[in-house]
């Protein structure tokens, strides 16, 4: 299950980066989402939150969390309290 969530989240981040003009970005689970990593800004973060909400019917940002990496997003969805994902 965690691998499936990782694949979906990674695909979303790749699509987001490609839309910004980053051709064939490499994305790994441990990558930082912001300044010293993938370089997402506040608009990118809002877009990612909407993408996550559409896919999983919830997102960590609206749950009051601020994930710093892809793996933290995956952990949010892979937690024991996340049924149906």
C-alpha atoms as a PDB file:
ATOM      1  CA  UNK A   1       0.000   0.000   0.000  1.00  0.00           C
ATOM      2  CA  UNK A   2       2.776   2.455   0.903  1.00  0.00           C
ATOM      3  CA  UNK A   3       4.436   1.834  -2.479  1.00  0.00           C
ATOM      4  CA  UNK A   4       1.180   2.622  -4.312  1.00  0.00           C
ATOM      5  CA  UNK A   5       0.794   5.871  -2.375  1.00  0.00           C
ATOM      6  CA  UNK A   6       4.434   6.759  -3.057  1.00  0.00           C
ATOM      7  CA  UNK A   7       3.944   6.174  -6.773  1.00  0.00           C
ATOM      8  CA  UNK A   8       0.813   8.352  -6.900  1.00  0.00           C
ATOM      9  CA  UNK A   9       2.379  11.191  -4.906  1.00  0.00           C
ATOM     10  CA  UNK A  10       5.605  11.041  -6.914  1.00  0.00           C
ATOM     11  CA  UNK A  11       3.625  11.160 -10.166  1.00  0.00           C
ATOM     12  CA  UNK A  12       1.735  14.224  -8.933  1.00  0.00           C
ATOM     13  CA  UNK A  13       4.928  16.046  -8.006  1.00  0.00           C
ATOM     14  CA  UNK A  14       6.509  15.171 -11.369  1.00  0.00           C
ATOM     15  CA  UNK A  15       3.440  16.533 -13.211  1.00  0.00           C
ATOM     16  CA  UNK A  16       3.563  19.694 -11.123  1.00  0.00           C
ATOM     17  CA  UNK A  17       7.263  20.218 -11.867  1.00  0.00           C
ATOM     18  CA  UNK A  18       6.781  19.486 -15.576  1.00  0.00           C
ATOM     19  CA  UNK A  19       4.005  22.092 -15.686  1.00  0.00           C
ATOM     20  CA  UNK A  20       6.562  24.590 -14.336  1.00  0.00           C
ATOM     21  CA  UNK A  21       8.869  23.770 -17.247  1.00  0.00           C
ATOM     22  CA  UNK A  22      11.160  21.294 -15.501  1.00  0.00           C
ATOM     23  CA  UNK A  23      11.670  18.676 -18.197  1.00  0.00           C
ATOM     24  CA  UNK A  24      11.791  15.117 -16.851  1.00  0.00           C
ATOM     25  CA  UNK A  25      12.420  15.942 -13.222  1.00  0.00           C
ATOM     26  CA  UNK A  26      13.863  13.242 -10.984  1.00  0.00           C
ATOM     27  CA  UNK A  27      11.886  12.833  -7.810  1.00  0.00           C
ATOM     28  CA  UNK A  28      12.660  10.554  -4.862  1.00  0.00           C
ATOM     29  CA  UNK A  29      10.806   9.859  -1.619  1.00  0.00           C
ATOM     30  CA  UNK A  30      13.360  11.679   0.537  1.00  0.00           C
ATOM     31  CA  UNK A  31      13.407  14.830  -1.564  1.00  0.00           C
ATOM     32  CA  UNK A  32      12.650  18.078   0.204  1.00  0.00           C
ATOM     33  CA  UNK A  33       9.670  19.783  -1.395  1.00  0.00           C
ATOM     34  CA  UNK A  34      10.877  23.338  -0.906  1.00  0.00           C
ATOM     35  CA  UNK A  35      13.959  25.582  -1.239  1.00  0.00           C
ATOM     36  CA  UNK A  36      16.839  23.141  -0.896  1.00  0.00           C
ATOM     37  CA  UNK A  37      15.071  20.394  -2.797  1.00  0.00           C
ATOM     38  CA  UNK A  38      12.437  20.465  -5.504  1.00  0.00           C
ATOM     39  CA  UNK A  39      11.847  24.217  -5.143  1.00  0.00           C
ATOM     40  CA  UNK A  40       8.075  24.319  -4.661  1.00  0.00           C
ATOM     41  CA  UNK A  41       6.726  27.750  -3.809  1.00  0.00           C
ATOM     42  CA  UNK A  42       3.448  28.673  -2.113  1.00  0.00           C
ATOM     43  CA  UNK A  43       1.419  28.445  -5.336  1.00  0.00           C
ATOM     44  CA  UNK A  44       2.935  25.041  -6.120  1.00  0.00           C
ATOM     45  CA  UNK A  45       2.107  23.893  -2.588  1.00  0.00           C
ATOM     46  CA  UNK A  46      -1.521  24.994  -2.982  1.00  0.00           C
ATOM     47  CA  UNK A  47      -1.703  23.183  -6.319  1.00  0.00           C
ATOM     48  CA  UNK A  48      -0.192  20.051  -4.803  1.00  0.00           C
ATOM     49  CA  UNK A  49      -2.686  20.215  -1.908  1.00  0.00           C
ATOM     50  CA  UNK A  50      -5.563  20.377  -4.419  1.00  0.00           C
ATOM     51  CA  UNK A  51      -4.145  17.452  -6.392  1.00  0.00           C
ATOM     52  CA  UNK A  52      -3.809  15.385  -3.209  1.00  0.00           C
ATOM     53  CA  UNK A  53      -7.352  16.309  -2.155  1.00  0.00           C
ATOM     54  CA  UNK A  54      -8.716  15.224  -5.532  1.00  0.00           C
ATOM     55  CA  UNK A  55      -6.873  11.898  -5.418  1.00  0.00           C
ATOM     56  CA  UNK A  56      -7.192  10.940  -1.749  1.00  0.00           C
ATOM     57  CA  UNK A  57     -10.170  13.064  -0.554  1.00  0.00           C
ATOM     58  CA  UNK A  58      -7.949  14.716   2.050  1.00  0.00           C
ATOM     59  CA  UNK A  59      -4.595  16.413   2.214  1.00  0.00           C
ATOM     60  CA  UNK A  60      -2.017  16.960   4.939  1.00  0.00           C
ATOM     61  CA  UNK A  61      -2.077  20.742   4.592  1.00  0.00           C
ATOM     62  CA  UNK A  62      -5.793  21.044   5.406  1.00  0.00           C
ATOM     63  CA  UNK A  63      -5.234  18.579   8.263  1.00  0.00           C
ATOM     64  CA  UNK A  64      -2.848  21.104   9.835  1.00  0.00           C
ATOM     65  CA  UNK A  65       0.388  19.409   8.808  1.00  0.00           C
ATOM     66  CA  UNK A  66       3.135  20.922   6.683  1.00  0.00           C
ATOM     67  CA  UNK A  67       5.122  18.063   5.140  1.00  0.00           C
ATOM     68  CA  UNK A  68       8.694  18.893   4.208  1.00  0.00           C
ATOM     69  CA  UNK A  69       9.297  15.889   1.944  1.00  0.00           C
ATOM     70  CA  UNK A  70       7.536  13.448  -0.330  1.00  0.00           C
ATOM     71  CA  UNK A  71       7.987  10.707   2.265  1.00  0.00           C
ATOM     72  CA  UNK A  72       6.151  12.805   4.872  1.00  0.00           C
ATOM     73  CA  UNK A  73       3.179  13.072   2.500  1.00  0.00           C
ATOM     74  CA  UNK A  74       3.291   9.303   1.950  1.00  0.00           C
ATOM     75  CA  UNK A  75       3.448   8.743   5.708  1.00  0.00           C
ATOM     76  CA  UNK A  76       0.352  10.919   6.139  1.00  0.00           C
ATOM     77  CA  UNK A  77      -1.650   8.663   3.807  1.00  0.00           C
ATOM     78  CA  UNK A  78      -0.105   5.422   4.993  1.00  0.00           C
ATOM     79  CA  UNK A  79      -0.892   6.002   8.659  1.00  0.00           C
ATOM     80  CA  UNK A  80      -3.018   3.459  10.490  1.00  0.00           C
ATOM     81  CA  UNK A  81      -5.822   5.990  10.897  1.00  0.00           C
ATOM     82  CA  UNK A  82      -6.218   6.395   7.119  1.00  0.00           C
ATOM     83  CA  UNK A  83      -8.864   3.888   6.075  1.00  0.00           C
ATOM     84  CA  UNK A  84      -9.754   3.259   2.462  1.00  0.00           C
ATOM     85  CA  UNK A  85      -6.569   4.619   0.939  1.00  0.00           C
END
